[in-house]
Amino acid sequence: MKKRLTRSLATFLVGCTLLGSGCAASFTPMRPERMATYQSSSAIGAPVQFAYQYDALRMRGRNKKYAKKAQKHGYQVIAVRVTNNTSAELNFSRDAVLYCGNHPVTPVLSSLAANDMKQGVFIYLLYVLLNFNIGGTTTYNSYTGQQTTTGGTFLPTGPFIAGGNMLGASLANKNFRNELEQYDLTNRNIRPGETVYGLISLREQNVAPLRLELRTVAAAPAPAEPAPTLPPATSPDPR
């Protein structure tokens, strides 16, 4: 009887774990250049035109599992559009400062962000235990409390389900990492008149307005007030 209860408890725990993790999720590319809408934070004619779109993971495709991972680890994945209106080449990291609200922020490296937000792979090894037995005769011994199944066909479906889910999760994680790296703006050079699209990952819980300023503009001191005009000097009266 004890053996039967132990086996039932193990099956129940495995079932709950699999139910919570579900099947491996695929990844749909975000493709920031195809985003329908962007919120601009730059004035017309500004040296750098900057626009952004929060929640890029949910904007395209079925990336619900990655969006949940981002929320769990305190990430905001944002699609951005940057246009260089100056006559010189600009480097996104060297020449510009990104502000979230009123404080400057630094995007997380794409490789680190992808690692933090990836879906689990080895959790699907539990599917190895999910096998089936078709047919057969089941008898129950009321004296010993044991249930015995004889005959039937055993189908080892668990390893195939586990392998398929692990392969799917690994491929989705790879595609997610590749897209973050492809659209990483770290040290990206932007030529005069060029518009580039990117994906940035911020460790920010709140959704605040974003803006991009050139470092020369951000560091420029406030203009001094003009000195008061003094009356012209007069010569003493010789009388």
C-alpha atoms as a PDB file:
ATOM      1  CA  MET A   1       0.000   0.000   0.000  1.00  0.00           C
ATOM      2  CA  LYS A   2       2.864   2.355   0.901  1.00  0.00           C
ATOM      3  CA  LYS A   3       4.567   1.653  -2.419  1.00  0.00           C
ATOM      4  CA  ARG A   4       1.372   2.461  -4.292  1.00  0.00           C
ATOM      5  CA  LEU A   5       0.912   5.774  -2.427  1.00  0.00           C
ATOM      6  CA  THR A   6       4.528   6.770  -3.092  1.00  0.00           C
ATOM      7  CA  ARG A   7       4.117   6.063  -6.807  1.00  0.00           C
ATOM      8  CA  SER A   8       0.860   8.038  -6.952  1.00  0.00           C
ATOM      9  CA  LEU A   9       2.416  10.998  -5.139  1.00  0.00           C
ATOM     10  CA  ALA A  10       5.383  11.032  -7.519  1.00  0.00           C
ATOM     11  CA  THR A  11       3.062  10.927 -10.525  1.00  0.00           C
ATOM     12  CA  PHE A  12       1.003  13.782  -9.080  1.00  0.00           C
ATOM     13  CA  LEU A  13       4.086  15.967  -8.459  1.00  0.00           C
ATOM     14  CA  VAL A  14       5.441  15.328 -11.942  1.00  0.00           C
ATOM     15  CA  GLY A  15       2.039  16.152 -13.446  1.00  0.00           C
ATOM     16  CA  CYS A  16       1.816  19.436 -11.523  1.00  0.00           C
ATOM     17  CA  THR A  17       5.320  20.439 -12.614  1.00  0.00           C
ATOM     18  CA  LEU A  18       4.604  19.680 -16.257  1.00  0.00           C
ATOM     19  CA  LEU A  19       1.285  21.501 -16.077  1.00  0.00           C
ATOM     20  CA  GLY A  20       3.021  24.592 -14.687  1.00  0.00           C
ATOM     21  CA  SER A  21       5.791  24.611 -17.274  1.00  0.00           C
ATOM     22  CA  GLY A  22       3.597  23.616 -20.217  1.00  0.00           C
ATOM     23  CA  CYS A  23       5.129  22.869 -23.587  1.00  0.00           C
ATOM     24  CA  ALA A  24       8.131  24.649 -25.029  1.00  0.00           C
ATOM     25  CA  ALA A  25       7.226  28.033 -26.515  1.00  0.00           C
ATOM     26  CA  SER A  26       8.375  29.164 -29.925  1.00  0.00           C
ATOM     27  CA  PHE A  27       9.816  32.627 -30.538  1.00  0.00           C
ATOM     28  CA  THR A  28       8.417  35.089 -33.062  1.00  0.00           C
ATOM     29  CA  PRO A  29      10.914  37.734 -34.269  1.00  0.00           C
ATOM     30  CA  MET A  30      10.066  41.267 -33.131  1.00  0.00           C
ATOM     31  CA  ARG A  31      11.597  43.037 -36.169  1.00  0.00           C
ATOM     32  CA  PRO A  32      11.569  46.654 -34.915  1.00  0.00           C
ATOM     33  CA  GLU A  33      11.707  48.040 -38.470  1.00  0.00           C
ATOM     34  CA  ARG A  34       8.219  46.577 -39.008  1.00  0.00           C
ATOM     35  CA  MET A  35       6.625  48.049 -35.901  1.00  0.00           C
ATOM     36  CA  ALA A  36       3.492  49.948 -36.894  1.00  0.00           C
ATOM     37  CA  THR A  37       3.713  52.715 -34.302  1.00  0.00           C
ATOM     38  CA  TYR A  38       6.472  54.541 -32.457  1.00  0.00           C
ATOM     39  CA  GLN A  39       6.303  57.256 -29.844  1.00  0.00           C
ATOM     40  CA  SER A  40       8.627  60.119 -30.733  1.00  0.00           C
ATOM     41  CA  SER A  41      10.440  62.070 -28.035  1.00  0.00           C
ATOM     42  CA  SER A  42      12.379  64.480 -30.259  1.00  0.00           C
ATOM     43  CA  ALA A  43      11.435  67.846 -31.637  1.00  0.00           C
ATOM     44  CA  ILE A  44      11.326  68.317 -35.401  1.00  0.00           C
ATOM     45  CA  GLY A  45      14.767  69.252 -36.639  1.00  0.00           C
ATOM     46  CA  ALA A  46      16.587  67.903 -33.567  1.00  0.00           C
ATOM     47  CA  PRO A  47      20.157  66.655 -34.177  1.00  0.00           C
ATOM     48  CA  VAL A  48      19.005  63.127 -33.318  1.00  0.00           C
ATOM     49  CA  GLN A  49      15.450  61.907 -33.909  1.00  0.00           C
ATOM     50  CA  PHE A  50      14.506  59.252 -31.354  1.00  0.00           C
ATOM     51  CA  ALA A  51      11.323  57.153 -31.122  1.00  0.00           C
ATOM     52  CA  TYR A  52      10.478  54.084 -29.065  1.00  0.00           C
ATOM     53  CA  GLN A  53       7.909  51.378 -28.417  1.00  0.00           C
ATOM     54  CA  TYR A  54       7.636  49.611 -25.069  1.00  0.00           C
ATOM     55  CA  ASP A  55       6.622  45.946 -24.663  1.00  0.00           C
ATOM     56  CA  ALA A  56       8.175  44.863 -27.947  1.00  0.00           C
ATOM     57  CA  LEU A  57       7.894  41.184 -26.996  1.00  0.00           C
ATOM     58  CA  ARG A  58       4.097  41.348 -26.934  1.00  0.00           C
ATOM     59  CA  MET A  59       3.735  43.561 -30.002  1.00  0.00           C
ATOM     60  CA  ARG A  60       4.500  40.791 -32.486  1.00  0.00           C
ATOM     61  CA  GLY A  61       3.822  37.081 -32.395  1.00  0.00           C
ATOM     62  CA  ARG A  62       3.318  34.704 -29.511  1.00  0.00           C
ATOM     63  CA  ASN A  63       6.163  35.546 -27.149  1.00  0.00           C
ATOM     64  CA  LYS A  64       4.109  35.263 -23.978  1.00  0.00           C
ATOM     65  CA  LYS A  65       6.617  33.042 -22.179  1.00  0.00           C
ATOM     66  CA  TYR A  66       9.521  35.429 -22.906  1.00  0.00           C
ATOM     67  CA  ALA A  67       7.402  38.416 -21.860  1.00  0.00           C
ATOM     68  CA  LYS A  68       6.697  36.694 -18.537  1.00  0.00           C
ATOM     69  CA  LYS A  69      10.408  36.017 -18.059  1.00  0.00           C
ATOM     70  CA  ALA A  70      11.161  39.677 -18.779  1.00  0.00           C
ATOM     71  CA  GLN A  71       8.625  40.793 -16.191  1.00  0.00           C
ATOM     72  CA  LYS A  72       9.935  38.299 -13.632  1.00  0.00           C
ATOM     73  CA  HIS A  73      13.511  39.588 -13.962  1.00  0.00           C
ATOM     74  CA  GLY A  74      12.539  43.273 -14.102  1.00  0.00           C
ATOM     75  CA  TYR A  75      13.250  43.867 -17.794  1.00  0.00           C
ATOM     76  CA  GLN A  76      11.686  46.188 -20.325  1.00  0.00           C
ATOM     77  CA  VAL A  77      12.352  45.146 -23.941  1.00  0.00           C
ATOM     78  CA  ILE A  78      11.953  48.235 -26.109  1.00  0.00           C
ATOM     79  CA  ALA A  79      12.056  48.766 -29.865  1.00  0.00           C
ATOM     80  CA  VAL A  80      13.746  52.035 -30.854  1.00  0.00           C
ATOM     81  CA  ARG A  81      14.277  54.112 -33.992  1.00  0.00           C
ATOM     82  CA  VAL A  82      17.191  56.553 -34.256  1.00  0.00           C
ATOM     83  CA  THR A  83      17.877  59.017 -37.076  1.00  0.00           C
ATOM     84  CA  ASN A  84      21.138  60.963 -37.307  1.00  0.00           C
ATOM     85  CA  ASN A  85      20.371  64.474 -38.588  1.00  0.00           C
ATOM     86  CA  THR A  86      23.890  65.788 -38.054  1.00  0.00           C
ATOM     87  CA  SER A  87      26.688  66.035 -40.612  1.00  0.00           C
ATOM     88  CA  ALA A  88      28.961  63.693 -38.628  1.00  0.00           C
ATOM     89  CA  GLU A  89      28.911  59.988 -37.865  1.00  0.00           C
ATOM     90  CA  LEU A  90      27.570  59.247 -34.379  1.00  0.00           C
ATOM     91  CA  ASN A  91      28.275  56.316 -32.091  1.00  0.00           C
ATOM     92  CA  PHE A  92      25.227  55.307 -30.042  1.00  0.00           C
ATOM     93  CA  SER A  93      27.221  54.480 -26.889  1.00  0.00           C
ATOM     94  CA  ARG A  94      29.933  57.116 -27.138  1.00  0.00           C
ATOM     95  CA  ASP A  95      28.034  60.148 -28.388  1.00  0.00           C
ATOM     96  CA  ALA A  96      24.543  59.753 -26.910  1.00  0.00           C
ATOM     97  CA  VAL A  97      22.903  59.439 -23.494  1.00  0.00           C
ATOM     98  CA  LEU A  98      19.631  57.558 -23.021  1.00  0.00           C
ATOM     99  CA  TYR A  99      17.265  58.892 -20.368  1.00  0.00           C
ATOM    100  CA  CYS A 100      14.397  57.014 -18.732  1.00  0.00           C
ATOM    101  CA  GLY A 101      12.308  59.651 -17.066  1.00  0.00           C
ATOM    102  CA  ASN A 102      14.816  62.077 -15.562  1.00  0.00           C
ATOM    103  CA  HIS A 103      17.759  59.747 -15.012  1.00  0.00           C
ATOM    104  CA  PRO A 104      20.288  58.315 -17.489  1.00  0.00           C
ATOM    105  CA  VAL A 105      20.186  54.551 -18.110  1.00  0.00           C
ATOM    106  CA  THR A 106      22.472  52.045 -19.791  1.00  0.00           C
ATOM    107  CA  PRO A 107      20.939  49.188 -21.819  1.00  0.00           C
ATOM    108  CA  VAL A 108      21.850  45.683 -20.657  1.00  0.00           C
ATOM    109  CA  LEU A 109      24.163  43.766 -22.991  1.00  0.00           C
ATOM    110  CA  SER A 110      22.130  41.636 -25.383  1.00  0.00           C
ATOM    111  CA  SER A 111      23.898  38.396 -24.409  1.00  0.00           C
ATOM    112  CA  LEU A 112      23.213  38.956 -20.696  1.00  0.00           C
ATOM    113  CA  ALA A 113      19.588  39.966 -21.290  1.00  0.00           C
ATOM    114  CA  ALA A 114      18.981  36.911 -23.505  1.00  0.00           C
ATOM    115  CA  ASN A 115      20.410  34.624 -20.831  1.00  0.00           C
ATOM    116  CA  ASP A 116      18.204  36.168 -18.125  1.00  0.00           C
ATOM    117  CA  MET A 117      15.003  35.939 -20.173  1.00  0.00           C
ATOM    118  CA  LYS A 118      15.472  32.537 -21.815  1.00  0.00           C
ATOM    119  CA  GLN A 119      12.988  29.743 -21.156  1.00  0.00           C
ATOM    120  CA  GLY A 120      14.040  26.626 -19.294  1.00  0.00           C
ATOM    121  CA  VAL A 121      15.225  23.612 -21.277  1.00  0.00           C
ATOM    122  CA  PHE A 122      16.041  20.812 -18.839  1.00  0.00           C
ATOM    123  CA  ILE A 123      12.681  21.108 -17.073  1.00  0.00           C
ATOM    124  CA  TYR A 124      11.229  19.166 -20.023  1.00  0.00           C
ATOM    125  CA  LEU A 125      13.254  16.089 -19.039  1.00  0.00           C
ATOM    126  CA  LEU A 126      10.345  15.314 -16.732  1.00  0.00           C
ATOM    127  CA  TYR A 127       8.366  14.306 -19.807  1.00  0.00           C
ATOM    128  CA  VAL A 128      10.555  11.178 -19.931  1.00  0.00           C
ATOM    129  CA  LEU A 129       8.249   9.779 -17.251  1.00  0.00           C
ATOM    130  CA  LEU A 130       5.156  10.338 -19.384  1.00  0.00           C
ATOM    131  CA  ASN A 131       4.715   6.896 -20.989  1.00  0.00           C
ATOM    132  CA  PHE A 132       1.565   4.962 -21.836  1.00  0.00           C
ATOM    133  CA  ASN A 133       0.424   1.364 -21.673  1.00  0.00           C
ATOM    134  CA  ILE A 134      -2.356   0.407 -24.104  1.00  0.00           C
ATOM    135  CA  GLY A 135      -4.553  -2.604 -23.441  1.00  0.00           C
ATOM    136  CA  GLY A 136      -3.797  -5.272 -20.853  1.00  0.00           C
ATOM    137  CA  THR A 137      -5.686  -6.554 -17.854  1.00  0.00           C
ATOM    138  CA  THR A 138      -5.616  -4.825 -14.488  1.00  0.00           C
ATOM    139  CA  THR A 139      -6.321  -6.814 -11.317  1.00  0.00           C
ATOM    140  CA  TYR A 140      -6.588  -5.552  -7.759  1.00  0.00           C
ATOM    141  CA  ASN A 141      -5.642  -7.658  -4.716  1.00  0.00           C
ATOM    142  CA  SER A 142      -7.813  -6.584  -1.795  1.00  0.00           C
ATOM    143  CA  TYR A 143      -5.565  -8.334   0.716  1.00  0.00           C
ATOM    144  CA  THR A 144      -2.279  -6.722  -0.289  1.00  0.00           C
ATOM    145  CA  GLY A 145      -3.783  -3.510  -1.685  1.00  0.00           C
ATOM    146  CA  GLN A 146      -1.689  -3.836  -4.833  1.00  0.00           C
ATOM    147  CA  GLN A 147      -2.811  -3.218  -8.414  1.00  0.00           C
ATOM    148  CA  THR A 148      -1.228  -5.323 -11.138  1.00  0.00           C
ATOM    149  CA  THR A 149      -1.427  -4.858 -14.906  1.00  0.00           C
ATOM    150  CA  THR A 150      -0.562  -7.731 -17.217  1.00  0.00           C
ATOM    151  CA  GLY A 151      -0.316  -7.795 -20.981  1.00  0.00           C
ATOM    152  CA  GLY A 152      -0.897  -4.722 -23.118  1.00  0.00           C
ATOM    153  CA  THR A 153       1.523  -2.691 -25.192  1.00  0.00           C
ATOM    154  CA  PHE A 154       3.991  -0.287 -23.566  1.00  0.00           C
ATOM    155  CA  LEU A 155       4.538   2.938 -25.541  1.00  0.00           C
ATOM    156  CA  PRO A 156       7.742   4.812 -24.546  1.00  0.00           C
ATOM    157  CA  THR A 157       6.385   8.211 -25.586  1.00  0.00           C
ATOM    158  CA  GLY A 158       8.117  10.124 -22.781  1.00  0.00           C
ATOM    159  CA  PRO A 159      11.608  10.378 -24.333  1.00  0.00           C
ATOM    160  CA  PHE A 160      10.183  11.626 -27.633  1.00  0.00           C
ATOM    161  CA  ILE A 161       8.019  14.273 -25.943  1.00  0.00           C
ATOM    162  CA  ALA A 162      10.924  15.364 -23.744  1.00  0.00           C
ATOM    163  CA  GLY A 163      13.360  15.513 -26.667  1.00  0.00           C
ATOM    164  CA  GLY A 164      10.960  17.481 -28.849  1.00  0.00           C
ATOM    165  CA  ASN A 165      10.282  20.058 -26.152  1.00  0.00           C
ATOM    166  CA  MET A 166      13.957  20.457 -25.272  1.00  0.00           C
ATOM    167  CA  LEU A 167      14.872  20.904 -28.924  1.00  0.00           C
ATOM    168  CA  GLY A 168      12.066  23.440 -29.414  1.00  0.00           C
ATOM    169  CA  ALA A 169      13.040  25.445 -26.309  1.00  0.00           C
ATOM    170  CA  SER A 170      16.722  25.497 -27.295  1.00  0.00           C
ATOM    171  CA  LEU A 171      15.930  26.672 -30.827  1.00  0.00           C
ATOM    172  CA  ALA A 172      13.587  29.402 -29.552  1.00  0.00           C
ATOM    173  CA  ASN A 173      16.230  30.627 -27.080  1.00  0.00           C
ATOM    174  CA  LYS A 174      18.819  30.729 -29.864  1.00  0.00           C
ATOM    175  CA  ASN A 175      16.523  32.748 -32.138  1.00  0.00           C
ATOM    176  CA  PHE A 176      15.722  35.134 -29.282  1.00  0.00           C
ATOM    177  CA  ARG A 177      19.409  35.691 -28.529  1.00  0.00           C
ATOM    178  CA  ASN A 178      20.255  36.158 -32.225  1.00  0.00           C
ATOM    179  CA  GLU A 179      17.625  38.869 -32.668  1.00  0.00           C
ATOM    180  CA  LEU A 180      18.717  40.790 -29.574  1.00  0.00           C
ATOM    181  CA  GLU A 181      22.303  40.652 -30.831  1.00  0.00           C
ATOM    182  CA  GLN A 182      21.310  41.608 -34.381  1.00  0.00           C
ATOM    183  CA  TYR A 183      19.543  44.769 -33.193  1.00  0.00           C
ATOM    184  CA  ASP A 184      21.997  45.625 -30.409  1.00  0.00           C
ATOM    185  CA  LEU A 185      22.919  49.325 -30.659  1.00  0.00           C
ATOM    186  CA  THR A 186      25.940  49.095 -28.359  1.00  0.00           C
ATOM    187  CA  ASN A 187      28.786  50.935 -30.120  1.00  0.00           C
ATOM    188  CA  ARG A 188      26.648  51.139 -33.260  1.00  0.00           C
ATOM    189  CA  ASN A 189      27.858  53.814 -35.691  1.00  0.00           C
ATOM    190  CA  ILE A 190      25.102  55.841 -37.359  1.00  0.00           C
ATOM    191  CA  ARG A 191      26.032  57.688 -40.541  1.00  0.00           C
ATOM    192  CA  PRO A 192      24.733  61.191 -41.342  1.00  0.00           C
ATOM    193  CA  GLY A 193      21.121  60.965 -42.485  1.00  0.00           C
ATOM    194  CA  GLU A 194      20.882  57.261 -41.571  1.00  0.00           C
ATOM    195  CA  THR A 195      17.962  55.732 -39.650  1.00  0.00           C
ATOM    196  CA  VAL A 196      18.632  52.599 -37.611  1.00  0.00           C
ATOM    197  CA  TYR A 197      16.305  50.329 -35.650  1.00  0.00           C
ATOM    198  CA  GLY A 198      17.254  48.539 -32.480  1.00  0.00           C
ATOM    199  CA  LEU A 199      16.116  46.522 -29.470  1.00  0.00           C
ATOM    200  CA  ILE A 200      17.246  47.618 -26.040  1.00  0.00           C
ATOM    201  CA  SER A 201      16.736  45.838 -22.715  1.00  0.00           C
ATOM    202  CA  LEU A 202      16.457  47.997 -19.605  1.00  0.00           C
ATOM    203  CA  ARG A 203      16.327  46.851 -15.983  1.00  0.00           C
ATOM    204  CA  GLU A 204      13.477  49.200 -15.182  1.00  0.00           C
ATOM    205  CA  GLN A 205      10.223  48.252 -13.446  1.00  0.00           C
ATOM    206  CA  ASN A 206       8.331  51.410 -14.383  1.00  0.00           C
ATOM    207  CA  VAL A 207       7.313  52.552 -17.844  1.00  0.00           C
ATOM    208  CA  ALA A 208       8.665  56.098 -18.127  1.00  0.00           C
ATOM    209  CA  PRO A 209       9.176  58.408 -21.126  1.00  0.00           C
ATOM    210  CA  LEU A 210      12.455  57.856 -22.961  1.00  0.00           C
ATOM    211  CA  ARG A 211      14.647  60.395 -24.706  1.00  0.00           C
ATOM    212  CA  LEU A 212      18.059  60.370 -26.363  1.00  0.00           C
ATOM    213  CA  GLU A 213      20.431  63.312 -26.111  1.00  0.00           C
ATOM    214  CA  LEU A 214      23.846  63.920 -27.553  1.00  0.00           C
ATOM    215  CA  ARG A 215      26.504  64.023 -24.845  1.00  0.00           C
ATOM    216  CA  THR A 216      27.625  67.488 -25.951  1.00  0.00           C
ATOM    217  CA  VAL A 217      24.061  68.736 -25.473  1.00  0.00           C
ATOM    218  CA  ALA A 218      23.507  66.886 -22.192  1.00  0.00           C
ATOM    219  CA  ALA A 219      26.787  68.194 -20.742  1.00  0.00           C
ATOM    220  CA  ALA A 220      26.458  71.759 -22.016  1.00  0.00           C
ATOM    221  CA  PRO A 221      26.156  74.324 -19.182  1.00  0.00           C
ATOM    222  CA  ALA A 222      23.112  76.523 -18.976  1.00  0.00           C
ATOM    223  CA  PRO A 223      23.605  79.818 -20.809  1.00  0.00           C
ATOM    224  CA  ALA A 224      24.766  82.596 -18.520  1.00  0.00           C
ATOM    225  CA  GLU A 225      22.580  85.610 -18.023  1.00  0.00           C
ATOM    226  CA  PRO A 226      23.862  88.703 -19.850  1.00  0.00           C
ATOM    227  CA  ALA A 227      25.766  91.172 -17.672  1.00  0.00           C
ATOM    228  CA  PRO A 228      23.929  94.412 -16.930  1.00  0.00           C
ATOM    229  CA  THR A 229      24.826  97.305 -19.195  1.00  0.00           C
ATOM    230  CA  LEU A 230      26.790  99.994 -17.340  1.00  0.00           C
ATOM    231  CA  PRO A 231      26.365 103.651 -18.204  1.00  0.00           C
ATOM    232  CA  PRO A 232      29.280 105.208 -20.120  1.00  0.00           C
ATOM    233  CA  ALA A 233      32.020 106.717 -18.001  1.00  0.00           C
ATOM    234  CA  THR A 234      31.986 110.531 -17.778  1.00  0.00           C
ATOM    235  CA  SER A 235      35.012 112.808 -17.474  1.00  0.00           C
ATOM    236  CA  PRO A 236      35.178 115.141 -14.456  1.00  0.00           C
ATOM    237  CA  ASP A 237      34.131 118.741 -15.068  1.00  0.00           C
ATOM    238  CA  PRO A 238      37.363 120.801 -15.398  1.00  0.00           C
ATOM    239  CA  ARG A 239      35.673 123.853 -13.830  1.00  0.00           C
END
